[in-house]
Structure formats: structure tokens, C-alpha cells
Amino acid sequence: MSPSIYATIGQRLKAERLREGLTLEQLAEAAGISPSFLAYIENGKKKLSVQTLWKLAQALHLSPGALFENAATKASRTPVVSHQIDFLMRDRSPTQRKHLLRALRTLLNTRR
């Protein structure tokens, strides 16, 4: 039996929270919910409102739709990698972005 949409969202939330290096408490505070409620959401035991989904996505710098993706069943990890690159580029100066892109191109060229 496949997991419910709430379990899938919970798994994605937890994965993104850990990827961001956030504790349950930190993400819960950023979204304005209790840590225990967030734990229930991550475990697929509680349903969340669209408003709560929106707040959690914003706190994780994601679109709400990104939380519906099930990374475990996706054939391609490109969207996740693309999101990570986008996250690294945010709030960087034009010079920093240029250097990051140059470093990425160098890495890609050395792996061919």
C-alpha cells in the first residue's frame, strides 16, 4: 500500500528540514507551529492545513508543490539538485554568483 499524501508530505518535510540542518524546534518556530505538531506531521500522523503547508514551505525556502514530490520514487534527482544550486545562489552578490558558476563549471568539466 502506498503512503498517504500526508505521509509523503511529512517525509519530504523531514528530508528538507534535515538537509537544511534545522531541528524540529527551529522549523516549528519558523512556521509558527508547535514542535510536537510538526513531529506528527513528519510522521504522517496529523493532517495539515494549506496555511500550515505554506508556512512550512516558506520556512524551508521551497514552493508548497515541492513537498508533494516523493524523492524516493523519482527516477531523476535533477529537481532536487537544481533546488540546492538555487538555494546556494540566493542572497549572493553578482560577483559571488559568477565565482560559484565558474567553480561548478570547473567541477563538471573535470568529471567528463
C-alpha atoms as a PDB file:
ATOM      1  CA  MET A   1       0.000   0.000   0.000  1.00  0.00           C
ATOM      2  CA  SER A   2       1.398   3.378  -0.935  1.00  0.00           C
ATOM      3  CA  PRO A   3       1.744   6.031   1.742  1.00  0.00           C
ATOM      4  CA  SER A   4      -0.942   8.685   2.079  1.00  0.00           C
ATOM      5  CA  ILE A   5      -0.316  12.130   0.686  1.00  0.00           C
ATOM      6  CA  TYR A   6       0.147  13.325   4.261  1.00  0.00           C
ATOM      7  CA  ALA A   7       2.850  10.716   4.903  1.00  0.00           C
ATOM      8  CA  THR A   8       4.569  11.710   1.655  1.00  0.00           C
ATOM      9  CA  ILE A   9       4.478  15.390   2.605  1.00  0.00           C
ATOM     10  CA  GLY A  10       5.755  14.519   6.078  1.00  0.00           C
ATOM     11  CA  GLN A  11       8.663  12.538   4.647  1.00  0.00           C
ATOM     12  CA  ARG A  12       9.558  15.405   2.325  1.00  0.00           C
ATOM     13  CA  LEU A  13       9.333  17.924   5.161  1.00  0.00           C
ATOM     14  CA  LYS A  14      11.655  15.887   7.325  1.00  0.00           C
ATOM     15  CA  ALA A  15      14.142  15.323   4.494  1.00  0.00           C
ATOM     16  CA  GLU A  16      14.213  19.025   3.641  1.00  0.00           C
ATOM     17  CA  ARG A  17      14.465  20.021   7.302  1.00  0.00           C
ATOM     18  CA  LEU A  18      17.453  17.747   7.794  1.00  0.00           C
ATOM     19  CA  ARG A  19      19.025  18.919   4.535  1.00  0.00           C
ATOM     20  CA  GLU A  20      18.725  22.496   5.783  1.00  0.00           C
ATOM     21  CA  GLY A  21      20.294  21.468   9.104  1.00  0.00           C
ATOM     22  CA  LEU A  22      17.260  22.547  11.108  1.00  0.00           C
ATOM     23  CA  THR A  23      15.925  20.972  14.275  1.00  0.00           C
ATOM     24  CA  LEU A  24      12.231  20.225  14.740  1.00  0.00           C
ATOM     25  CA  GLU A  25      12.079  23.161  17.120  1.00  0.00           C
ATOM     26  CA  GLN A  26      13.706  25.585  14.681  1.00  0.00           C
ATOM     27  CA  LEU A  27      11.414  24.708  11.775  1.00  0.00           C
ATOM     28  CA  ALA A  28       8.334  24.675  14.003  1.00  0.00           C
ATOM     29  CA  GLU A  29       9.195  28.123  15.340  1.00  0.00           C
ATOM     30  CA  ALA A  30       9.781  29.496  11.845  1.00  0.00           C
ATOM     31  CA  ALA A  31       6.389  28.161  10.736  1.00  0.00           C
ATOM     32  CA  GLY A  32       4.550  29.225  13.877  1.00  0.00           C
ATOM     33  CA  ILE A  33       3.520  25.734  14.986  1.00  0.00           C
ATOM     34  CA  SER A  34       4.468  23.533  17.920  1.00  0.00           C
ATOM     35  CA  PRO A  35       7.365  21.078  17.624  1.00  0.00           C
ATOM     36  CA  SER A  36       5.072  18.214  18.646  1.00  0.00           C
ATOM     37  CA  PHE A  37       2.609  19.070  15.856  1.00  0.00           C
ATOM     38  CA  LEU A  38       5.477  19.178  13.371  1.00  0.00           C
ATOM     39  CA  ALA A  39       6.673  15.765  14.580  1.00  0.00           C
ATOM     40  CA  TYR A  40       3.174  14.355  13.997  1.00  0.00           C
ATOM     41  CA  ILE A  41       3.116  15.924  10.510  1.00  0.00           C
ATOM     42  CA  GLU A  42       6.537  14.499   9.627  1.00  0.00           C
ATOM     43  CA  ASN A  43       5.377  11.044  10.734  1.00  0.00           C
ATOM     44  CA  GLY A  44       2.178  11.295   8.675  1.00  0.00           C
ATOM     45  CA  LYS A  45       0.013  11.075  11.790  1.00  0.00           C
ATOM     46  CA  LYS A  46      -1.622  14.505  11.523  1.00  0.00           C
ATOM     47  CA  LYS A  47      -3.173  16.358   8.619  1.00  0.00           C
ATOM     48  CA  LEU A  48      -2.027  19.877   7.953  1.00  0.00           C
ATOM     49  CA  SER A  49      -3.885  22.839   6.547  1.00  0.00           C
ATOM     50  CA  VAL A  50      -2.920  24.624   3.365  1.00  0.00           C
ATOM     51  CA  GLN A  51      -1.859  27.577   5.518  1.00  0.00           C
ATOM     52  CA  THR A  52       0.486  25.383   7.582  1.00  0.00           C
ATOM     53  CA  LEU A  53       1.840  23.754   4.413  1.00  0.00           C
ATOM     54  CA  TRP A  54       2.537  27.218   3.010  1.00  0.00           C
ATOM     55  CA  LYS A  55       4.320  28.370   6.183  1.00  0.00           C
ATOM     56  CA  LEU A  56       6.482  25.237   6.336  1.00  0.00           C
ATOM     57  CA  ALA A  57       7.398  25.525   2.657  1.00  0.00           C
ATOM     58  CA  GLN A  58       8.354  29.181   3.112  1.00  0.00           C
ATOM     59  CA  ALA A  59      10.477  28.352   6.150  1.00  0.00           C
ATOM     60  CA  LEU A  60      12.305  25.745   4.032  1.00  0.00           C
ATOM     61  CA  HIS A  61      12.649  28.088   1.016  1.00  0.00           C
ATOM     62  CA  LEU A  62      10.508  25.766  -1.108  1.00  0.00           C
ATOM     63  CA  SER A  63       7.369  26.034  -3.150  1.00  0.00           C
ATOM     64  CA  PRO A  64       4.470  24.234  -1.484  1.00  0.00           C
ATOM     65  CA  GLY A  65       4.258  21.960  -4.535  1.00  0.00           C
ATOM     66  CA  ALA A  66       7.798  20.710  -3.917  1.00  0.00           C
ATOM     67  CA  LEU A  67       6.541  19.000  -0.765  1.00  0.00           C
ATOM     68  CA  PHE A  68       4.248  16.773  -2.831  1.00  0.00           C
ATOM     69  CA  GLU A  69       7.155  15.212  -4.696  1.00  0.00           C
ATOM     70  CA  ASN A  70       8.258  11.835  -3.400  1.00  0.00           C
ATOM     71  CA  ALA A  71      12.025  11.838  -3.772  1.00  0.00           C
ATOM     72  CA  ALA A  72      12.249   8.089  -3.106  1.00  0.00           C
ATOM     73  CA  THR A  73      10.234   7.214  -6.210  1.00  0.00           C
ATOM     74  CA  LYS A  74      11.583   9.846  -8.570  1.00  0.00           C
ATOM     75  CA  ALA A  75      13.764   8.497 -11.321  1.00  0.00           C
ATOM     76  CA  SER A  76      15.705  11.732 -11.591  1.00  0.00           C
ATOM     77  CA  ARG A  77      17.267  13.740  -8.767  1.00  0.00           C
ATOM     78  CA  THR A  78      17.760  16.747 -11.051  1.00  0.00           C
ATOM     79  CA  PRO A  79      14.997  18.877  -9.477  1.00  0.00           C
ATOM     80  CA  VAL A  80      16.489  18.353  -6.009  1.00  0.00           C
ATOM     81  CA  VAL A  81      19.991  19.209  -7.232  1.00  0.00           C
ATOM     82  CA  SER A  82      18.623  22.193  -9.105  1.00  0.00           C
ATOM     83  CA  HIS A  83      16.924  23.384  -5.924  1.00  0.00           C
ATOM     84  CA  GLN A  84      20.170  23.018  -3.987  1.00  0.00           C
ATOM     85  CA  ILE A  85      22.064  25.090  -6.546  1.00  0.00           C
ATOM     86  CA  ASP A  86      19.304  27.703  -6.491  1.00  0.00           C
ATOM     87  CA  PHE A  87      19.485  27.799  -2.692  1.00  0.00           C
ATOM     88  CA  LEU A  88      23.262  28.339  -2.801  1.00  0.00           C
ATOM     89  CA  MET A  89      22.834  31.207  -5.250  1.00  0.00           C
ATOM     90  CA  ARG A  90      20.225  33.081  -3.213  1.00  0.00           C
ATOM     91  CA  ASP A  91      21.347  36.208  -1.441  1.00  0.00           C
ATOM     92  CA  ARG A  92      24.726  36.172  -3.181  1.00  0.00           C
ATOM     93  CA  SER A  93      26.271  39.147  -4.869  1.00  0.00           C
ATOM     94  CA  PRO A  94      26.729  39.080  -8.654  1.00  0.00           C
ATOM     95  CA  THR A  95      30.454  38.523  -8.129  1.00  0.00           C
ATOM     96  CA  GLN A  96      29.844  35.598  -5.775  1.00  0.00           C
ATOM     97  CA  ARG A  97      27.370  34.064  -8.248  1.00  0.00           C
ATOM     98  CA  LYS A  98      29.924  34.374 -11.029  1.00  0.00           C
ATOM     99  CA  HIS A  99      32.555  32.602  -8.911  1.00  0.00           C
ATOM    100  CA  LEU A 100      30.126  29.846  -7.883  1.00  0.00           C
ATOM    101  CA  LEU A 101      29.149  29.227 -11.507  1.00  0.00           C
ATOM    102  CA  ARG A 102      32.788  29.168 -12.567  1.00  0.00           C
ATOM    103  CA  ALA A 103      33.583  26.617  -9.819  1.00  0.00           C
ATOM    104  CA  LEU A 104      30.610  24.472 -10.845  1.00  0.00           C
ATOM    105  CA  ARG A 105      31.663  24.546 -14.500  1.00  0.00           C
ATOM    106  CA  THR A 106      35.211  23.578 -13.495  1.00  0.00           C
ATOM    107  CA  LEU A 107      33.921  20.638 -11.465  1.00  0.00           C
ATOM    108  CA  LEU A 108      31.684  19.477 -14.301  1.00  0.00           C
ATOM    109  CA  ASN A 109      34.493  19.695 -16.834  1.00  0.00           C
ATOM    110  CA  THR A 110      36.839  17.627 -14.688  1.00  0.00           C
ATOM    111  CA  ARG A 111      34.318  14.786 -14.385  1.00  0.00           C
ATOM    112  CA  ARG A 112      33.941  14.201 -18.139  1.00  0.00           C
END
